[in-house]
Amino acid sequence: MRDAYTRHLAPRARELRNNQTPAERKLWFEFLRTHPARFRRQVPLQGYILDFYAPSLKLCLELDGRSHDGQATQQYDAERTRQLTASGIRVVRFSNAEVLGQFAGVCAAIDGVCRGEAPF
C-alpha cells in the first residue's frame, strides 16, 4: 500500500493536520491517538486525504461536516468510498455532530469495527 501514497497531497495533508475541525481534534486527542490499532491522521492515499487511517486494519474513518450535505458532495464521497473499498480499504463515516454529541457511542463503534464486531 506504500506505493498508493500520494506525495503531491502531503503539503495539504500537513495543513489539515495543523487545522483540524473540533470533531477531528476531539476524536484524535481523546481516543485515536492512543488506540491500539495505531491510527494516523490526514493520510494522503490513492489521490485522497483520509481523515484517519489504520494501515494494519486497512480501515479509514471519515468525519463529515455540513459541507458533505450537498448532492454533489455526497456523490463524490460515494465514488471515493467505492474506489477505496475496491482497493481493500474499509471506509466508516461519522458526522461531526455524532462525534461531538455521542462521543462514547462513536468510540464504542470504532472499537467494534477494529475488533471485527461492528456491522459497518
N, C-alpha and C. Protein backbone atom coordinates (compact mmCIF):
# COMPACT_ATOMS: atom_id res chain seq x y z
N MET A 1 0.83 -1.20 0.00
CA MET A 1 0.00 0.00 0.00
C MET A 1 0.87 1.26 0.00
N ARG A 2 2.13 1.10 0.34
CA ARG A 2 3.02 2.26 0.38
C ARG A 2 3.08 2.98 -0.97
N ASP A 3 2.98 2.20 -2.07
CA ASP A 3 3.02 2.82 -3.38
C ASP A 3 1.77 3.62 -3.69
N ALA A 4 0.73 3.45 -2.91
CA ALA A 4 -0.51 4.19 -3.11
C ALA A 4 -0.47 5.56 -2.43
N TYR A 5 0.61 5.82 -1.67
CA TYR A 5 0.79 7.11 -1.00
C TYR A 5 0.83 8.20 -2.06
N THR A 6 0.11 9.26 -1.86
CA THR A 6 0.01 10.33 -2.84
C THR A 6 0.86 11.52 -2.37
N ARG A 7 2.09 11.53 -2.84
CA ARG A 7 3.08 12.51 -2.38
C ARG A 7 2.67 13.96 -2.63
N HIS A 8 2.06 14.24 -3.76
CA HIS A 8 1.72 15.64 -4.06
C HIS A 8 0.66 16.21 -3.11
N LEU A 9 -0.05 15.35 -2.39
CA LEU A 9 -1.04 15.83 -1.42
C LEU A 9 -0.46 16.01 -0.02
N ALA A 10 0.80 15.66 0.17
CA ALA A 10 1.41 15.74 1.50
C ALA A 10 1.35 17.14 2.11
N PRO A 11 1.66 18.21 1.36
CA PRO A 11 1.56 19.54 1.99
C PRO A 11 0.14 19.88 2.45
N ARG A 12 -0.85 19.51 1.65
CA ARG A 12 -2.24 19.78 2.04
C ARG A 12 -2.62 18.95 3.27
N ALA A 13 -2.17 17.70 3.32
CA ALA A 13 -2.44 16.83 4.47
C ALA A 13 -1.83 17.44 5.73
N ARG A 14 -0.62 17.94 5.62
CA ARG A 14 0.05 18.57 6.76
C ARG A 14 -0.75 19.78 7.24
N GLU A 15 -1.24 20.57 6.29
CA GLU A 15 -2.06 21.74 6.62
C GLU A 15 -3.33 21.31 7.36
N LEU A 16 -3.97 20.26 6.88
CA LEU A 16 -5.19 19.77 7.52
C LEU A 16 -4.91 19.23 8.93
N ARG A 17 -3.76 18.58 9.13
CA ARG A 17 -3.39 18.10 10.47
C ARG A 17 -3.22 19.28 11.43
N ASN A 18 -2.70 20.38 10.91
CA ASN A 18 -2.49 21.56 11.76
C ASN A 18 -3.76 22.37 11.99
N ASN A 19 -4.80 22.12 11.21
CA ASN A 19 -6.05 22.88 11.31
C ASN A 19 -7.25 21.94 11.37
N GLN A 20 -7.24 21.03 12.32
CA GLN A 20 -8.32 20.06 12.44
C GLN A 20 -9.62 20.73 12.87
N THR A 21 -10.73 20.12 12.46
CA THR A 21 -12.03 20.58 12.93
C THR A 21 -12.15 20.20 14.41
N PRO A 22 -13.08 20.81 15.14
CA PRO A 22 -13.26 20.43 16.55
C PRO A 22 -13.55 18.93 16.72
N ALA A 23 -14.36 18.36 15.82
CA ALA A 23 -14.68 16.92 15.92
C ALA A 23 -13.43 16.07 15.67
N GLU A 24 -12.63 16.42 14.67
CA GLU A 24 -11.39 15.68 14.39
C GLU A 24 -10.44 15.78 15.58
N ARG A 25 -10.31 16.98 16.12
CA ARG A 25 -9.41 17.20 17.25
C ARG A 25 -9.84 16.36 18.45
N LYS A 26 -11.13 16.36 18.74
CA LYS A 26 -11.65 15.59 19.88
C LYS A 26 -11.39 14.10 19.68
N LEU A 27 -11.75 13.59 18.51
CA LEU A 27 -11.58 12.15 18.26
C LEU A 27 -10.11 11.76 18.32
N TRP A 28 -9.23 12.58 17.77
CA TRP A 28 -7.80 12.27 17.77
C TRP A 28 -7.21 12.32 19.18
N PHE A 29 -7.36 13.44 19.86
CA PHE A 29 -6.68 13.62 21.13
C PHE A 29 -7.32 12.86 22.29
N GLU A 30 -8.60 12.56 22.19
CA GLU A 30 -9.27 11.87 23.29
C GLU A 30 -9.47 10.38 23.05
N PHE A 31 -9.13 9.89 21.84
CA PHE A 31 -9.38 8.48 21.59
C PHE A 31 -8.37 7.82 20.64
N LEU A 32 -8.28 8.30 19.42
CA LEU A 32 -7.50 7.58 18.41
C LEU A 32 -5.98 7.66 18.59
N ARG A 33 -5.50 8.73 19.15
CA ARG A 33 -4.05 8.92 19.28
C ARG A 33 -3.40 7.78 20.05
N THR A 34 -4.09 7.23 21.03
CA THR A 34 -3.53 6.15 21.85
C THR A 34 -4.22 4.81 21.59
N HIS A 35 -5.01 4.73 20.54
CA HIS A 35 -5.73 3.48 20.24
C HIS A 35 -4.73 2.39 19.85
N PRO A 36 -4.96 1.16 20.29
CA PRO A 36 -4.05 0.06 19.96
C PRO A 36 -3.90 -0.20 18.45
N ALA A 37 -4.89 0.19 17.66
CA ALA A 37 -4.82 -0.05 16.21
C ALA A 37 -3.84 0.89 15.52
N ARG A 38 -3.36 1.90 16.20
CA ARG A 38 -2.38 2.85 15.66
C ARG A 38 -2.89 3.57 14.41
N PHE A 39 -3.74 4.51 14.64
CA PHE A 39 -4.28 5.34 13.57
C PHE A 39 -3.31 6.46 13.23
N ARG A 40 -3.36 6.88 11.97
CA ARG A 40 -2.65 8.06 11.51
C ARG A 40 -3.72 9.05 11.06
N ARG A 41 -3.40 10.34 11.09
CA ARG A 41 -4.41 11.32 10.69
C ARG A 41 -3.99 12.05 9.43
N GLN A 42 -4.98 12.42 8.65
CA GLN A 42 -4.80 13.15 7.39
C GLN A 42 -3.75 12.47 6.51
N VAL A 43 -4.07 11.29 6.05
CA VAL A 43 -3.14 10.47 5.27
C VAL A 43 -3.44 10.62 3.78
N PRO A 44 -2.47 11.09 2.99
CA PRO A 44 -2.68 11.16 1.54
C PRO A 44 -2.51 9.78 0.92
N LEU A 45 -3.59 9.24 0.38
CA LEU A 45 -3.57 7.88 -0.13
C LEU A 45 -4.49 7.76 -1.34
N GLN A 46 -4.01 7.24 -2.40
CA GLN A 46 -4.78 6.98 -3.62
C GLN A 46 -5.49 8.23 -4.15
N GLY A 47 -4.84 9.36 -4.07
CA GLY A 47 -5.41 10.59 -4.59
C GLY A 47 -6.37 11.30 -3.66
N TYR A 48 -6.52 10.80 -2.46
CA TYR A 48 -7.41 11.39 -1.46
C TYR A 48 -6.64 11.63 -0.18
N ILE A 49 -7.20 12.47 0.68
CA ILE A 49 -6.65 12.64 2.02
C ILE A 49 -7.66 12.03 2.98
N LEU A 50 -7.26 10.94 3.62
CA LEU A 50 -8.14 10.22 4.55
C LEU A 50 -8.05 10.88 5.92
N ASP A 51 -9.19 11.12 6.56
CA ASP A 51 -9.18 11.77 7.87
C ASP A 51 -8.35 10.97 8.87
N PHE A 52 -8.67 9.70 9.04
CA PHE A 52 -7.93 8.82 9.95
C PHE A 52 -7.77 7.47 9.27
N TYR A 53 -6.59 6.88 9.40
CA TYR A 53 -6.33 5.62 8.71
C TYR A 53 -5.49 4.71 9.59
N ALA A 54 -5.95 3.47 9.73
CA ALA A 54 -5.20 2.44 10.45
C ALA A 54 -4.67 1.46 9.40
N PRO A 55 -3.40 1.59 9.02
CA PRO A 55 -2.86 0.74 7.95
C PRO A 55 -2.95 -0.76 8.26
N SER A 56 -2.75 -1.14 9.51
CA SER A 56 -2.77 -2.57 9.85
C SER A 56 -4.14 -3.19 9.63
N LEU A 57 -5.19 -2.38 9.72
CA LEU A 57 -6.56 -2.87 9.53
C LEU A 57 -7.13 -2.50 8.16
N LYS A 58 -6.39 -1.66 7.44
CA LYS A 58 -6.89 -1.09 6.18
C LYS A 58 -8.26 -0.46 6.45
N LEU A 59 -8.30 0.36 7.48
CA LEU A 59 -9.53 1.00 7.94
C LEU A 59 -9.39 2.51 7.88
N CYS A 60 -10.35 3.14 7.21
CA CYS A 60 -10.40 4.59 7.08
C CYS A 60 -11.61 5.10 7.84
N LEU A 61 -11.40 6.09 8.70
CA LEU A 61 -12.51 6.76 9.40
C LEU A 61 -12.65 8.15 8.81
N GLU A 62 -13.84 8.48 8.38
CA GLU A 62 -14.11 9.79 7.81
C GLU A 62 -15.12 10.52 8.67
N LEU A 63 -14.84 11.79 8.95
CA LEU A 63 -15.77 12.63 9.69
C LEU A 63 -16.34 13.65 8.73
N ASP A 64 -17.66 13.70 8.66
CA ASP A 64 -18.33 14.57 7.70
C ASP A 64 -19.06 15.71 8.40
N GLY A 65 -18.76 16.91 7.97
CA GLY A 65 -19.46 18.09 8.47
C GLY A 65 -20.57 18.49 7.52
N ARG A 66 -21.07 19.67 7.69
CA ARG A 66 -22.19 20.15 6.87
C ARG A 66 -21.81 20.28 5.39
N SER A 67 -20.54 20.44 5.10
CA SER A 67 -20.12 20.56 3.71
C SER A 67 -20.37 19.27 2.93
N HIS A 68 -20.67 18.19 3.62
CA HIS A 68 -20.92 16.90 2.96
C HIS A 68 -22.42 16.66 2.74
N ASP A 69 -23.24 17.67 3.01
CA ASP A 69 -24.69 17.50 2.89
C ASP A 69 -25.21 17.64 1.46
N GLY A 70 -24.50 18.35 0.61
CA GLY A 70 -24.98 18.59 -0.75
C GLY A 70 -24.93 17.34 -1.62
N GLN A 71 -25.77 17.33 -2.65
CA GLN A 71 -25.87 16.16 -3.52
C GLN A 71 -24.55 15.89 -4.25
N ALA A 72 -23.90 16.92 -4.76
CA ALA A 72 -22.64 16.73 -5.48
C ALA A 72 -21.57 16.16 -4.56
N THR A 73 -21.52 16.66 -3.34
CA THR A 73 -20.53 16.17 -2.38
C THR A 73 -20.82 14.74 -1.99
N GLN A 74 -22.08 14.41 -1.82
CA GLN A 74 -22.45 13.02 -1.47
C GLN A 74 -22.08 12.06 -2.60
N GLN A 75 -22.24 12.51 -3.85
CA GLN A 75 -21.84 11.67 -4.98
C GLN A 75 -20.32 11.49 -5.00
N TYR A 76 -19.60 12.57 -4.74
CA TYR A 76 -18.14 12.50 -4.68
C TYR A 76 -17.70 11.54 -3.56
N ASP A 77 -18.32 11.67 -2.38
CA ASP A 77 -17.99 10.79 -1.26
C ASP A 77 -18.28 9.33 -1.59
N ALA A 78 -19.39 9.09 -2.28
CA ALA A 78 -19.76 7.71 -2.64
C ALA A 78 -18.73 7.13 -3.61
N GLU A 79 -18.30 7.91 -4.58
CA GLU A 79 -17.29 7.44 -5.53
C GLU A 79 -15.95 7.21 -4.83
N ARG A 80 -15.62 8.11 -3.96
CA ARG A 80 -14.37 7.98 -3.18
C ARG A 80 -14.40 6.70 -2.35
N THR A 81 -15.51 6.46 -1.68
CA THR A 81 -15.67 5.25 -0.87
C THR A 81 -15.60 4.01 -1.75
N ARG A 82 -16.23 4.06 -2.92
CA ARG A 82 -16.20 2.93 -3.84
C ARG A 82 -14.76 2.61 -4.26
N GLN A 83 -13.99 3.64 -4.60
CA GLN A 83 -12.61 3.42 -5.05
C GLN A 83 -11.74 2.88 -3.91
N LEU A 84 -11.89 3.43 -2.74
CA LEU A 84 -11.11 2.95 -1.60
C LEU A 84 -11.49 1.51 -1.25
N THR A 85 -12.78 1.22 -1.27
CA THR A 85 -13.26 -0.14 -0.97
C THR A 85 -12.74 -1.13 -2.01
N ALA A 86 -12.72 -0.72 -3.26
CA ALA A 86 -12.22 -1.59 -4.33
C ALA A 86 -10.74 -1.94 -4.13
N SER A 87 -10.01 -1.06 -3.46
CA SER A 87 -8.59 -1.34 -3.20
C SER A 87 -8.38 -2.02 -1.84
N GLY A 88 -9.47 -2.42 -1.20
CA GLY A 88 -9.35 -3.18 0.05
C GLY A 88 -9.38 -2.36 1.32
N ILE A 89 -9.72 -1.08 1.22
CA ILE A 89 -9.79 -0.21 2.40
C ILE A 89 -11.25 -0.08 2.82
N ARG A 90 -11.51 -0.38 4.07
CA ARG A 90 -12.85 -0.24 4.63
C ARG A 90 -13.05 1.20 5.08
N VAL A 91 -14.15 1.81 4.67
CA VAL A 91 -14.43 3.21 5.00
C VAL A 91 -15.64 3.26 5.93
N VAL A 92 -15.45 3.92 7.07
CA VAL A 92 -16.53 4.10 8.04
C VAL A 92 -16.70 5.60 8.24
N ARG A 93 -17.92 6.07 8.12
CA ARG A 93 -18.20 7.51 8.23
C ARG A 93 -19.01 7.84 9.47
N PHE A 94 -18.67 8.96 10.06
CA PHE A 94 -19.42 9.52 11.17
C PHE A 94 -19.60 11.01 10.86
N SER A 95 -20.67 11.58 11.35
CA SER A 95 -20.84 13.03 11.20
C SER A 95 -20.11 13.72 12.35
N ASN A 96 -19.75 14.96 12.12
CA ASN A 96 -19.14 15.75 13.19
C ASN A 96 -20.09 15.83 14.38
N ALA A 97 -21.38 15.95 14.11
CA ALA A 97 -22.37 16.04 15.19
C ALA A 97 -22.37 14.78 16.04
N GLU A 98 -22.21 13.61 15.41
CA GLU A 98 -22.15 12.36 16.17
C GLU A 98 -20.93 12.34 17.08
N VAL A 99 -19.80 12.76 16.55
CA VAL A 99 -18.57 12.75 17.36
C VAL A 99 -18.70 13.70 18.54
N LEU A 100 -19.24 14.88 18.30
CA LEU A 100 -19.34 15.87 19.38
C LEU A 100 -20.49 15.59 20.34
N GLY A 101 -21.57 14.97 19.86
CA GLY A 101 -22.74 14.76 20.71
C GLY A 101 -22.90 13.36 21.28
N GLN A 102 -22.27 12.38 20.65
CA GLN A 102 -22.41 10.98 21.09
C GLN A 102 -21.03 10.32 21.11
N PHE A 103 -20.09 10.98 21.73
CA PHE A 103 -18.70 10.57 21.67
C PHE A 103 -18.47 9.13 22.13
N ALA A 104 -19.04 8.76 23.25
CA ALA A 104 -18.84 7.40 23.77
C ALA A 104 -19.36 6.36 22.79
N GLY A 105 -20.50 6.63 22.17
CA GLY A 105 -21.06 5.70 21.20
C GLY A 105 -20.19 5.57 19.95
N VAL A 106 -19.64 6.68 19.49
CA VAL A 106 -18.74 6.66 18.33
C VAL A 106 -17.49 5.85 18.66
N CYS A 107 -16.93 6.07 19.84
CA CYS A 107 -15.73 5.34 20.25
C CYS A 107 -16.02 3.84 20.35
N ALA A 108 -17.17 3.49 20.90
CA ALA A 108 -17.54 2.08 21.01
C ALA A 108 -17.71 1.46 19.62
N ALA A 109 -18.30 2.22 18.70
CA ALA A 109 -18.48 1.72 17.34
C ALA A 109 -17.13 1.50 16.66
N ILE A 110 -16.21 2.43 16.85
CA ILE A 110 -14.87 2.29 16.26
C ILE A 110 -14.16 1.08 16.85
N ASP A 111 -14.25 0.90 18.15
CA ASP A 111 -13.65 -0.29 18.78
C ASP A 111 -14.24 -1.56 18.19
N GLY A 112 -15.55 -1.56 18.01
CA GLY A 112 -16.22 -2.74 17.42
C GLY A 112 -15.73 -3.03 16.02
N VAL A 113 -15.60 -2.00 15.21
CA VAL A 113 -15.09 -2.17 13.85
C VAL A 113 -13.67 -2.72 13.89
N CYS A 114 -12.84 -2.19 14.77
CA CYS A 114 -11.45 -2.64 14.87
C CYS A 114 -11.36 -4.11 15.29
N ARG A 115 -12.30 -4.54 16.10
CA ARG A 115 -12.32 -5.95 16.54
C ARG A 115 -13.08 -6.85 15.58
N GLY A 116 -13.66 -6.26 14.53
CA GLY A 116 -14.41 -7.04 13.56
C GLY A 116 -15.81 -7.38 14.01
N GLU A 117 -16.31 -6.66 15.01
CA GLU A 117 -17.63 -6.97 15.58
C GLU A 117 -18.75 -6.07 15.05
N ALA A 118 -18.39 -4.88 14.59
CA ALA A 118 -19.42 -3.92 14.19
C ALA A 118 -19.83 -4.17 12.73
N PRO A 119 -21.08 -3.87 12.41
CA PRO A 119 -21.59 -4.15 11.06
C PRO A 119 -21.28 -3.09 10.01
N PHE A 120 -20.49 -2.10 10.32
CA PHE A 120 -20.22 -1.02 9.35
C PHE A 120 -19.69 -1.56 8.05
